[in-house]
Each structure stands twice: as C-alpha cells, then as structure tokens.
C-alpha cells in the first residue's frame, strides 16, 4: 500500500541520515556540532519511530558509539574496542567534550537497549551497540543509570551478545569490556 511504501521510504531516509551522522561523528571536530544541532535527539526519535528497522538501529548505535569514542577522560580505546582503557572519570563530567551525559539526558539508553534486543543476530548493531554501552559506561552517572531497575535488561543484552557472537572479536571485546565496567565497582 501507499502508506507502507511511504513509511519504508521514510525509514530508508532516516537510516541513511543516521549512517551519515555516524560517519561525521568519527571526526572530533564534528562531535559537538552533532550534539548541539540536535543529532542525538533526532536519532532517539528515529529509533522510537522506526525501532524495527535494522538500518535505523545501525545508524543510532554507530552514531552513539562514535560520539563518545575518544571523548573525556583518558579513553584510549579504538573504535573497535580492542585496546585496554583507563579512564580518568573524576574529571569527565566537567569535560566540555564529554558527550556521555548529553546522550544519557537525550534518552539514548532505552533506544540503544531496544536496538540490541531487536537485532541480536546483526553483527554491526551488536558491535556498535556494545561499543556504545562500554564507552558510555566510562561516565559514572551513565554507568549508574545503566544499572537502574528500568534498564534491568542491560546485563542480559550484553550476555546475549556474547552468547550469539562468541567468535566475533569486536563484539566479544566490547560486550566483555562493558560488562566488566558495569560490574567493576559493584
């Protein structure tokens, strides 16, 4: 039908926009502009509207991972999550380049967890989503939010990623690092 076609077309446009923002977020000079211009909020709305479309989930998870990669603290993790990370989180909350809190306040966590649950067999969604969870968890306020009762599926989502993708090094490293970071002080 025409309504279905229009919805599919809209989802395709939103997915392409998300992937464009994901690519722009790789540039440290673009991160602040994406946040200030409402890119994070737009992607949250996109996932709320088109959460069942894998391409939209890809754009959201990739954008959120890339926005927080290399921001704040002494994060030395690569975009692939394969190096050890030591974070100076004591100063990260006041760091103007720390977009972790902006993502928390924009409502990214429920959308991110939904995408990971919705597409457990998508390697890109899982790798970028687990990467986003790990990098977000470097901020104590976000780590605490990820463990709140309303996000009680965080640990299950990460364990599921490990279970379904045990031979995928990128997913394995990111999910394992996220779990370790979330459970480190508890």
N, C-alpha and C. Protein backbone atom coordinates (compact mmCIF):
# COMPACT_ATOMS: atom_id res chain seq x y z
N UNK A 1 0.83 -1.19 0.00
CA UNK A 1 0.00 0.00 0.00
C UNK A 1 0.87 1.25 0.00
N UNK A 2 0.25 2.38 -0.28
CA UNK A 2 0.98 3.64 -0.33
C UNK A 2 1.53 4.03 1.04
N UNK A 3 0.76 3.79 2.10
CA UNK A 3 1.21 4.13 3.45
C UNK A 3 2.45 3.32 3.81
N UNK A 4 2.43 2.02 3.49
CA UNK A 4 3.58 1.17 3.78
C UNK A 4 4.79 1.62 2.98
N UNK A 5 4.61 1.94 1.72
CA UNK A 5 5.71 2.39 0.87
C UNK A 5 6.30 3.68 1.40
N UNK A 6 5.46 4.63 1.78
CA UNK A 6 5.95 5.90 2.33
C UNK A 6 6.71 5.67 3.62
N UNK A 7 6.18 4.82 4.49
CA UNK A 7 6.86 4.52 5.76
C UNK A 7 8.22 3.88 5.48
N UNK A 8 8.27 2.94 4.54
CA UNK A 8 9.54 2.29 4.19
C UNK A 8 10.53 3.31 3.62
N UNK A 9 10.04 4.21 2.79
CA UNK A 9 10.90 5.24 2.23
C UNK A 9 11.42 6.17 3.32
N UNK A 10 10.53 6.55 4.23
CA UNK A 10 10.94 7.41 5.34
C UNK A 10 12.00 6.71 6.19
N UNK A 11 11.80 5.42 6.46
CA UNK A 11 12.77 4.67 7.25
C UNK A 11 14.11 4.61 6.53
N UNK A 12 14.09 4.44 5.22
CA UNK A 12 15.34 4.39 4.45
C UNK A 12 16.08 5.72 4.51
N UNK A 13 15.35 6.82 4.44
CA UNK A 13 15.97 8.15 4.54
C UNK A 13 16.55 8.36 5.93
N UNK A 14 15.80 7.98 6.95
CA UNK A 14 16.27 8.12 8.33
C UNK A 14 17.52 7.25 8.55
N UNK A 15 17.51 6.04 8.02
CA UNK A 15 18.67 5.15 8.16
C UNK A 15 19.90 5.77 7.49
N UNK A 16 19.73 6.33 6.31
CA UNK A 16 20.85 6.97 5.62
C UNK A 16 21.35 8.18 6.40
N UNK A 17 20.44 8.95 6.98
CA UNK A 17 20.83 10.09 7.80
C UNK A 17 21.60 9.66 9.04
N UNK A 18 21.17 8.58 9.66
CA UNK A 18 21.87 8.05 10.83
C UNK A 18 23.28 7.61 10.49
N UNK A 19 23.42 6.94 9.36
CA UNK A 19 24.76 6.49 8.94
C UNK A 19 25.64 7.69 8.59
N UNK A 20 25.05 8.75 8.03
CA UNK A 20 25.84 9.95 7.73
C UNK A 20 26.32 10.59 9.03
N UNK A 21 25.43 10.70 10.02
CA UNK A 21 25.83 11.24 11.32
C UNK A 21 26.89 10.36 11.98
N UNK A 22 26.73 9.05 11.84
CA UNK A 22 27.72 8.11 12.38
C UNK A 22 29.10 8.41 11.80
N UNK A 23 29.17 8.59 10.50
CA UNK A 23 30.45 8.88 9.85
C UNK A 23 31.00 10.24 10.26
N UNK A 24 30.14 11.24 10.35
CA UNK A 24 30.60 12.57 10.79
C UNK A 24 31.13 12.53 12.22
N UNK A 25 30.54 11.69 13.05
CA UNK A 25 30.94 11.62 14.46
C UNK A 25 32.33 11.01 14.64
N UNK A 26 32.90 10.46 13.60
CA UNK A 26 34.28 9.97 13.69
C UNK A 26 35.27 11.12 13.77
N UNK A 27 34.86 12.28 13.29
CA UNK A 27 35.71 13.47 13.29
C UNK A 27 35.50 14.22 14.61
N UNK A 28 36.57 14.34 15.40
CA UNK A 28 36.47 15.03 16.69
C UNK A 28 35.90 16.43 16.54
N UNK A 29 36.14 17.09 15.41
CA UNK A 29 35.66 18.45 15.20
C UNK A 29 34.16 18.52 14.94
N UNK A 30 33.53 17.40 14.64
CA UNK A 30 32.10 17.38 14.33
C UNK A 30 31.22 16.97 15.51
N UNK A 31 31.81 16.33 16.49
CA UNK A 31 31.03 15.75 17.59
C UNK A 31 30.15 16.79 18.30
N UNK A 32 30.76 17.90 18.71
CA UNK A 32 29.99 18.93 19.41
C UNK A 32 28.87 19.50 18.57
N UNK A 33 29.12 19.71 17.30
CA UNK A 33 28.10 20.23 16.40
C UNK A 33 26.92 19.29 16.26
N UNK A 34 27.20 17.99 16.20
CA UNK A 34 26.12 17.00 16.11
C UNK A 34 25.24 17.06 17.35
N UNK A 35 25.88 17.15 18.51
CA UNK A 35 25.12 17.21 19.76
C UNK A 35 24.33 18.51 19.84
N UNK A 36 24.99 19.63 19.58
CA UNK A 36 24.33 20.95 19.68
C UNK A 36 23.20 21.12 18.66
N UNK A 37 23.36 20.54 17.48
CA UNK A 37 22.35 20.70 16.43
C UNK A 37 21.16 19.75 16.60
N UNK A 38 21.20 18.90 17.61
CA UNK A 38 20.07 18.01 17.86
C UNK A 38 20.16 16.66 17.18
N UNK A 39 21.35 16.28 16.72
CA UNK A 39 21.51 14.99 16.07
C UNK A 39 21.21 13.81 16.97
N UNK A 40 21.57 13.93 18.23
CA UNK A 40 21.31 12.84 19.18
C UNK A 40 19.81 12.69 19.40
N UNK A 41 19.15 13.79 19.64
CA UNK A 41 17.70 13.77 19.86
C UNK A 41 16.96 13.26 18.62
N UNK A 42 17.40 13.68 17.45
CA UNK A 42 16.78 13.22 16.21
C UNK A 42 16.92 11.71 16.06
N UNK A 43 18.08 11.17 16.44
CA UNK A 43 18.29 9.73 16.32
C UNK A 43 17.47 8.97 17.35
N UNK A 44 17.29 9.54 18.53
CA UNK A 44 16.41 8.92 19.54
C UNK A 44 14.99 8.85 18.98
N UNK A 45 14.50 9.94 18.41
CA UNK A 45 13.15 9.95 17.82
C UNK A 45 13.05 8.95 16.68
N UNK A 46 14.12 8.85 15.88
CA UNK A 46 14.13 7.91 14.77
C UNK A 46 13.98 6.48 15.27
N UNK A 47 14.71 6.13 16.34
CA UNK A 47 14.60 4.78 16.90
C UNK A 47 13.24 4.56 17.54
N UNK A 48 12.67 5.59 18.13
CA UNK A 48 11.34 5.44 18.71
C UNK A 48 10.29 5.20 17.63
N UNK A 49 10.50 5.78 16.46
CA UNK A 49 9.54 5.65 15.35
C UNK A 49 9.82 4.42 14.50
N UNK A 50 11.08 4.15 14.22
CA UNK A 50 11.47 3.07 13.30
C UNK A 50 12.37 2.04 13.99
N UNK A 51 12.08 1.72 15.24
CA UNK A 51 12.92 0.81 16.00
C UNK A 51 12.98 -0.60 15.45
N UNK A 52 12.05 -0.94 14.58
CA UNK A 52 12.04 -2.28 13.99
C UNK A 52 12.78 -2.34 12.66
N UNK A 53 13.46 -1.26 12.28
CA UNK A 53 14.21 -1.20 11.02
C UNK A 53 15.70 -1.29 11.34
N UNK A 54 16.33 -2.34 10.85
CA UNK A 54 17.73 -2.58 11.19
C UNK A 54 18.64 -1.43 10.77
N UNK A 55 18.39 -0.84 9.62
CA UNK A 55 19.24 0.27 9.15
C UNK A 55 19.20 1.47 10.08
N UNK A 56 18.05 1.73 10.67
CA UNK A 56 17.92 2.83 11.62
C UNK A 56 18.68 2.48 12.90
N UNK A 57 18.56 1.23 13.35
CA UNK A 57 19.30 0.78 14.53
C UNK A 57 20.81 0.88 14.29
N UNK A 58 21.24 0.52 13.09
CA UNK A 58 22.67 0.64 12.74
C UNK A 58 23.14 2.08 12.88
N UNK A 59 22.38 3.01 12.32
CA UNK A 59 22.75 4.42 12.39
C UNK A 59 22.80 4.93 13.82
N UNK A 60 21.82 4.56 14.62
CA UNK A 60 21.79 5.01 16.01
C UNK A 60 22.95 4.45 16.82
N UNK A 61 23.13 3.13 16.77
CA UNK A 61 24.21 2.51 17.55
C UNK A 61 25.57 3.02 17.10
N UNK A 62 25.76 3.15 15.78
CA UNK A 62 27.03 3.64 15.27
C UNK A 62 27.29 5.09 15.65
N UNK A 63 26.25 5.91 15.55
CA UNK A 63 26.39 7.32 15.94
C UNK A 63 26.77 7.44 17.40
N UNK A 64 26.05 6.73 18.26
CA UNK A 64 26.29 6.87 19.69
C UNK A 64 27.65 6.34 20.08
N UNK A 65 28.10 5.26 19.46
CA UNK A 65 29.45 4.77 19.75
C UNK A 65 30.48 5.81 19.32
N UNK A 66 30.34 6.32 18.11
CA UNK A 66 31.35 7.24 17.58
C UNK A 66 31.35 8.59 18.31
N UNK A 67 30.19 9.03 18.79
CA UNK A 67 30.15 10.30 19.52
C UNK A 67 30.94 10.24 20.82
N UNK A 68 30.91 9.10 21.50
CA UNK A 68 31.58 9.02 22.79
C UNK A 68 32.96 8.39 22.70
N UNK A 69 33.33 7.92 21.54
CA UNK A 69 34.67 7.38 21.35
C UNK A 69 35.67 8.53 21.39
N UNK A 70 36.64 8.41 22.29
CA UNK A 70 37.68 9.43 22.38
C UNK A 70 37.29 10.71 23.07
N UNK A 71 36.15 10.74 23.77
CA UNK A 71 35.76 11.98 24.46
C UNK A 71 35.90 11.82 25.96
N UNK A 72 36.46 12.82 26.58
CA UNK A 72 36.56 12.85 28.04
C UNK A 72 37.53 11.83 28.59
N UNK A 73 38.06 12.08 29.75
CA UNK A 73 38.95 11.15 30.44
C UNK A 73 40.19 10.83 29.63
N UNK A 74 40.74 9.67 29.88
CA UNK A 74 41.93 9.23 29.14
C UNK A 74 41.59 7.97 28.39
N UNK A 75 40.46 7.95 27.74
CA UNK A 75 39.98 6.81 26.98
C UNK A 75 40.91 6.55 25.80
N UNK A 76 41.53 5.39 25.79
CA UNK A 76 42.44 5.04 24.71
C UNK A 76 41.89 3.91 23.85
N UNK A 77 40.61 3.63 23.98
CA UNK A 77 40.00 2.55 23.22
C UNK A 77 39.90 2.95 21.75
N UNK A 78 40.17 2.00 20.89
CA UNK A 78 39.97 2.23 19.46
C UNK A 78 38.49 2.16 19.15
N UNK A 79 38.12 2.55 17.98
CA UNK A 79 36.71 2.46 17.57
C UNK A 79 36.25 1.01 17.57
N UNK A 80 37.20 0.06 17.55
CA UNK A 80 36.86 -1.36 17.55
C UNK A 80 36.84 -1.94 18.95
N UNK A 81 37.18 -1.14 19.98
CA UNK A 81 37.11 -1.60 21.36
C UNK A 81 38.15 -2.64 21.71
N UNK A 82 39.26 -2.66 20.99
CA UNK A 82 40.21 -3.75 21.17
C UNK A 82 41.39 -3.42 22.07
N UNK A 83 41.55 -2.18 22.50
CA UNK A 83 42.66 -1.88 23.39
C UNK A 83 42.14 -1.65 24.79
N UNK A 84 43.03 -1.81 25.75
CA UNK A 84 42.66 -1.59 27.14
C UNK A 84 42.34 -0.11 27.35
N UNK A 85 41.46 0.15 28.28
CA UNK A 85 41.07 1.52 28.55
C UNK A 85 41.29 1.84 30.00
N UNK A 86 41.87 3.00 30.23
CA UNK A 86 41.93 3.54 31.58
C UNK A 86 41.26 4.89 31.49
N UNK A 87 40.30 5.12 32.32
CA UNK A 87 39.54 6.36 32.22
C UNK A 87 39.73 7.20 33.46
N UNK A 88 39.96 8.45 33.26
CA UNK A 88 40.01 9.41 34.34
C UNK A 88 38.62 10.00 34.45
N UNK A 89 37.71 9.27 35.08
CA UNK A 89 36.33 9.70 35.12
C UNK A 89 36.09 10.77 36.16
N UNK A 90 37.06 11.06 37.00
CA UNK A 90 36.84 12.08 38.02
C UNK A 90 36.66 13.46 37.38
N UNK A 91 37.24 13.68 36.21
CA UNK A 91 37.08 14.98 35.57
C UNK A 91 36.18 14.93 34.35
N UNK A 92 35.70 13.73 34.00
CA UNK A 92 34.95 13.61 32.75
C UNK A 92 33.63 14.35 32.78
N UNK A 93 33.01 14.49 33.94
CA UNK A 93 31.72 15.17 34.00
C UNK A 93 31.83 16.64 33.64
N UNK A 94 32.97 17.27 33.90
CA UNK A 94 33.12 18.68 33.59
C UNK A 94 33.80 18.91 32.24
N UNK A 95 34.21 17.86 31.56
CA UNK A 95 34.88 17.97 30.27
C UNK A 95 33.88 18.41 29.21
N UNK A 96 34.12 19.54 28.53
CA UNK A 96 33.16 20.01 27.54
C UNK A 96 33.04 19.08 26.34
N UNK A 97 33.99 18.21 26.12
CA UNK A 97 33.88 17.27 25.00
C UNK A 97 33.23 15.96 25.41
N UNK A 98 32.81 15.85 26.66
CA UNK A 98 32.19 14.63 27.15
C UNK A 98 30.71 14.63 26.76
N UNK A 99 30.40 13.84 25.77
CA UNK A 99 29.02 13.78 25.30
C UNK A 99 28.24 12.65 25.95
N UNK A 100 28.87 11.94 26.86
CA UNK A 100 28.19 10.82 27.51
C UNK A 100 26.95 11.29 28.27
N UNK A 101 27.07 12.39 28.99
CA UNK A 101 25.92 12.90 29.74
C UNK A 101 24.83 13.42 28.81
N UNK A 102 25.22 14.02 27.70
CA UNK A 102 24.24 14.50 26.73
C UNK A 102 23.43 13.33 26.18
N UNK A 103 24.09 12.22 25.92
CA UNK A 103 23.39 11.04 25.42
C UNK A 103 22.46 10.47 26.49
N UNK A 104 22.92 10.45 27.73
CA UNK A 104 22.08 9.98 28.82
C UNK A 104 20.81 10.82 28.92
N UNK A 105 20.97 12.15 28.92
CA UNK A 105 19.82 13.04 29.08
C UNK A 105 18.90 13.06 27.87
N UNK A 106 19.42 12.70 26.71
CA UNK A 106 18.59 12.66 25.49
C UNK A 106 17.75 11.38 25.41
N UNK A 107 17.98 10.44 26.30
CA UNK A 107 17.18 9.21 26.30
C UNK A 107 17.74 8.11 25.41
N UNK A 108 19.04 8.11 25.21
CA UNK A 108 19.67 7.12 24.35
C UNK A 108 19.59 5.70 24.92
N UNK A 109 19.71 5.55 26.23
CA UNK A 109 19.83 4.21 26.81
C UNK A 109 18.67 3.29 26.43
N UNK A 110 17.40 3.68 26.61
CA UNK A 110 16.33 2.76 26.23
C UNK A 110 16.36 2.39 24.74
N UNK A 111 16.68 3.36 23.89
CA UNK A 111 16.74 3.09 22.45
C UNK A 111 17.88 2.16 22.10
N UNK A 112 19.00 2.35 22.74
CA UNK A 112 20.18 1.51 22.50
C UNK A 112 19.89 0.07 22.92
N UNK A 113 19.32 -0.11 24.10
CA UNK A 113 18.99 -1.45 24.59
C UNK A 113 17.94 -2.10 23.71
N UNK A 114 16.96 -1.32 23.26
CA UNK A 114 15.92 -1.84 22.36
C UNK A 114 16.54 -2.32 21.05
N UNK A 115 17.46 -1.56 20.49
CA UNK A 115 18.11 -1.96 19.23
C UNK A 115 18.88 -3.26 19.41
N UNK A 116 19.61 -3.38 20.51
CA UNK A 116 20.37 -4.59 20.77
C UNK A 116 19.45 -5.80 20.95
N UNK A 117 18.32 -5.60 21.61
CA UNK A 117 17.35 -6.68 21.79
C UNK A 117 16.66 -7.04 20.48
N UNK A 118 16.32 -6.02 19.70
CA UNK A 118 15.58 -6.22 18.45
C UNK A 118 16.40 -6.95 17.39
N UNK A 119 17.72 -6.75 17.38
CA UNK A 119 18.57 -7.31 16.33
C UNK A 119 19.75 -8.09 16.93
N UNK A 120 19.46 -9.17 17.66
CA UNK A 120 20.53 -9.91 18.33
C UNK A 120 21.51 -10.59 17.37
N UNK A 121 21.11 -10.83 16.13
CA UNK A 121 21.98 -11.52 15.17
C UNK A 121 22.67 -10.58 14.19
N UNK A 122 22.41 -9.29 14.30
CA UNK A 122 23.08 -8.31 13.43
C UNK A 122 24.44 -7.98 14.01
N UNK A 123 25.50 -8.38 13.34
CA UNK A 123 26.83 -8.14 13.89
C UNK A 123 27.14 -6.66 14.03
N UNK A 124 26.71 -5.84 13.07
CA UNK A 124 27.01 -4.41 13.17
C UNK A 124 26.25 -3.75 14.31
N UNK A 125 24.96 -4.05 14.43
CA UNK A 125 24.18 -3.48 15.55
C UNK A 125 24.80 -3.91 16.87
N UNK A 126 25.15 -5.18 17.00
CA UNK A 126 25.71 -5.68 18.25
C UNK A 126 27.08 -5.07 18.54
N UNK A 127 27.94 -5.00 17.53
CA UNK A 127 29.27 -4.45 17.77
C UNK A 127 29.21 -2.97 18.14
N UNK A 128 28.45 -2.20 17.37
CA UNK A 128 28.38 -0.76 17.65
C UNK A 128 27.58 -0.48 18.92
N UNK A 129 26.52 -1.25 19.15
CA UNK A 129 25.73 -1.05 20.37
C UNK A 129 26.50 -1.41 21.63
N UNK A 130 27.21 -2.55 21.59
CA UNK A 130 28.03 -2.93 22.75
C UNK A 130 29.18 -1.94 22.94
N UNK A 131 29.72 -1.44 21.84
CA UNK A 131 30.76 -0.42 21.94
C UNK A 131 30.24 0.84 22.59
N UNK A 132 29.02 1.24 22.20
CA UNK A 132 28.41 2.42 22.80
C UNK A 132 28.18 2.20 24.29
N UNK A 133 27.67 1.02 24.67
CA UNK A 133 27.43 0.74 26.09
C UNK A 133 28.73 0.81 26.89
N UNK A 134 29.80 0.22 26.33
CA UNK A 134 31.07 0.27 27.03
C UNK A 134 31.56 1.70 27.19
N UNK A 135 31.60 2.44 26.11
CA UNK A 135 32.13 3.81 26.17
C UNK A 135 31.25 4.73 27.01
N UNK A 136 29.94 4.53 26.96
CA UNK A 136 29.04 5.31 27.81
C UNK A 136 29.28 4.99 29.29
N UNK A 137 29.57 3.72 29.59
CA UNK A 137 29.72 3.32 30.99
C UNK A 137 30.98 3.87 31.65
N UNK A 138 31.84 4.52 30.87
CA UNK A 138 33.02 5.15 31.46
C UNK A 138 32.64 6.38 32.30
N UNK A 139 31.47 6.93 32.07
CA UNK A 139 30.95 8.05 32.86
C UNK A 139 30.17 7.46 34.04
N UNK A 140 30.56 7.74 35.28
CA UNK A 140 29.88 7.14 36.44
C UNK A 140 28.36 7.34 36.45
N UNK A 141 27.88 8.51 36.08
CA UNK A 141 26.43 8.74 36.09
C UNK A 141 25.71 7.86 35.07
N UNK A 142 26.34 7.64 33.93
CA UNK A 142 25.73 6.79 32.91
C UNK A 142 25.82 5.33 33.35
N UNK A 143 26.96 4.95 33.90
CA UNK A 143 27.11 3.57 34.41
C UNK A 143 26.01 3.28 35.43
N UNK A 144 25.79 4.20 36.35
CA UNK A 144 24.75 4.01 37.35
C UNK A 144 23.37 3.91 36.71
N UNK A 145 23.11 4.75 35.69
CA UNK A 145 21.81 4.72 35.01
C UNK A 145 21.60 3.39 34.28
N UNK A 146 22.66 2.84 33.71
CA UNK A 146 22.54 1.56 33.01
C UNK A 146 22.17 0.42 33.94
N UNK A 147 22.41 0.60 35.23
CA UNK A 147 22.10 -0.45 36.21
C UNK A 147 20.82 -0.19 37.00
N UNK A 148 20.08 0.86 36.62
CA UNK A 148 18.81 1.15 37.29
C UNK A 148 17.77 0.09 36.93
N UNK A 149 16.78 -0.11 37.79
CA UNK A 149 15.75 -1.13 37.52
C UNK A 149 15.05 -0.95 36.17
N UNK A 150 14.83 0.28 35.72
CA UNK A 150 14.14 0.46 34.44
C UNK A 150 14.99 0.01 33.25
N UNK A 151 16.28 -0.21 33.49
CA UNK A 151 17.18 -0.73 32.45
C UNK A 151 17.70 -2.11 32.87
N UNK A 152 16.81 -2.90 33.47
CA UNK A 152 17.23 -4.17 34.03
C UNK A 152 17.69 -5.17 32.99
N UNK A 153 17.55 -4.85 31.71
CA UNK A 153 17.97 -5.77 30.66
C UNK A 153 19.39 -5.49 30.16
N UNK A 154 20.08 -4.51 30.71
CA UNK A 154 21.42 -4.16 30.24
C UNK A 154 22.36 -5.35 30.28
N UNK A 155 22.46 -6.01 31.41
CA UNK A 155 23.39 -7.13 31.55
C UNK A 155 22.97 -8.31 30.68
N UNK A 156 21.67 -8.54 30.56
CA UNK A 156 21.16 -9.63 29.72
C UNK A 156 21.49 -9.37 28.25
N UNK A 157 21.31 -8.13 27.81
CA UNK A 157 21.61 -7.77 26.42
C UNK A 157 23.08 -8.03 26.12
N UNK A 158 23.96 -7.65 27.03
CA UNK A 158 25.40 -7.87 26.82
C UNK A 158 25.74 -9.37 26.85
N UNK A 159 25.13 -10.10 27.76
CA UNK A 159 25.37 -11.55 27.81
C UNK A 159 24.86 -12.24 26.55
N UNK A 160 23.74 -11.78 26.03
CA UNK A 160 23.19 -12.34 24.80
C UNK A 160 24.12 -12.07 23.63
N UNK A 161 24.70 -10.88 23.58
CA UNK A 161 25.65 -10.56 22.52
C UNK A 161 26.85 -11.50 22.58
N UNK A 162 27.35 -11.76 23.78
CA UNK A 162 28.47 -12.69 23.95
C UNK A 162 28.08 -14.10 23.50
N UNK A 163 26.88 -14.50 23.85
CA UNK A 163 26.42 -15.84 23.51
C UNK A 163 26.26 -16.01 22.00
N UNK A 164 25.62 -15.06 21.35
CA UNK A 164 25.34 -15.18 19.91
C UNK A 164 26.56 -14.92 19.03
N UNK A 165 27.55 -14.23 19.56
CA UNK A 165 28.69 -13.80 18.73
C UNK A 165 30.02 -14.17 19.38
N UNK A 166 30.11 -15.36 19.91
CA UNK A 166 31.31 -15.76 20.65
C UNK A 166 32.57 -15.80 19.78
N UNK A 167 32.43 -15.90 18.48
CA UNK A 167 33.61 -15.95 17.61
C UNK A 167 33.91 -14.60 16.93
N UNK A 168 33.15 -13.57 17.27
CA UNK A 168 33.37 -12.24 16.68
C UNK A 168 34.16 -11.40 17.68
N UNK A 169 35.43 -11.16 17.36
CA UNK A 169 36.34 -10.49 18.31
C UNK A 169 35.86 -9.10 18.70
N UNK A 170 35.35 -8.31 17.75
CA UNK A 170 34.90 -6.95 18.06
C UNK A 170 33.75 -6.94 19.05
N UNK A 171 32.74 -7.76 18.79
CA UNK A 171 31.59 -7.83 19.71
C UNK A 171 32.05 -8.39 21.05
N UNK A 172 32.84 -9.44 21.02
CA UNK A 172 33.31 -10.07 22.25
C UNK A 172 34.04 -9.07 23.13
N UNK A 173 34.98 -8.31 22.54
CA UNK A 173 35.76 -7.34 23.32
C UNK A 173 34.87 -6.24 23.88
N UNK A 174 33.99 -5.71 23.07
CA UNK A 174 33.15 -4.60 23.52
C UNK A 174 32.14 -5.03 24.57
N UNK A 175 31.48 -6.16 24.36
CA UNK A 175 30.49 -6.64 25.34
C UNK A 175 31.18 -7.02 26.65
N UNK A 176 32.32 -7.71 26.55
CA UNK A 176 33.06 -8.10 27.75
C UNK A 176 33.52 -6.86 28.52
N UNK A 177 34.06 -5.87 27.80
CA UNK A 177 34.52 -4.64 28.45
C UNK A 177 33.36 -3.88 29.09
N UNK A 178 32.21 -3.87 28.43
CA UNK A 178 31.03 -3.21 29.00
C UNK A 178 30.60 -3.91 30.28
N UNK A 179 30.52 -5.23 30.24
CA UNK A 179 30.14 -5.98 31.44
C UNK A 179 31.13 -5.74 32.58
N UNK A 180 32.41 -5.79 32.27
CA UNK A 180 33.42 -5.57 33.30
C UNK A 180 33.29 -4.17 33.89
N UNK A 181 33.10 -3.19 33.05
CA UNK A 181 32.99 -1.80 33.52
C UNK A 181 31.73 -1.61 34.37
N UNK A 182 30.63 -2.20 33.94
CA UNK A 182 29.37 -2.06 34.69
C UNK A 182 29.43 -2.75 36.05
N UNK A 183 30.15 -3.84 36.12
CA UNK A 183 30.19 -4.61 37.37
C UNK A 183 31.43 -4.33 38.21
N UNK A 184 32.34 -3.53 37.71
CA UNK A 184 33.63 -3.29 38.34
C UNK A 184 33.50 -2.84 39.80
N UNK A 185 32.68 -1.84 40.07
CA UNK A 185 32.61 -1.26 41.40
C UNK A 185 31.45 -1.78 42.22
N UNK A 186 30.83 -2.86 41.76
CA UNK A 186 29.66 -3.37 42.47
C UNK A 186 29.87 -4.78 42.93
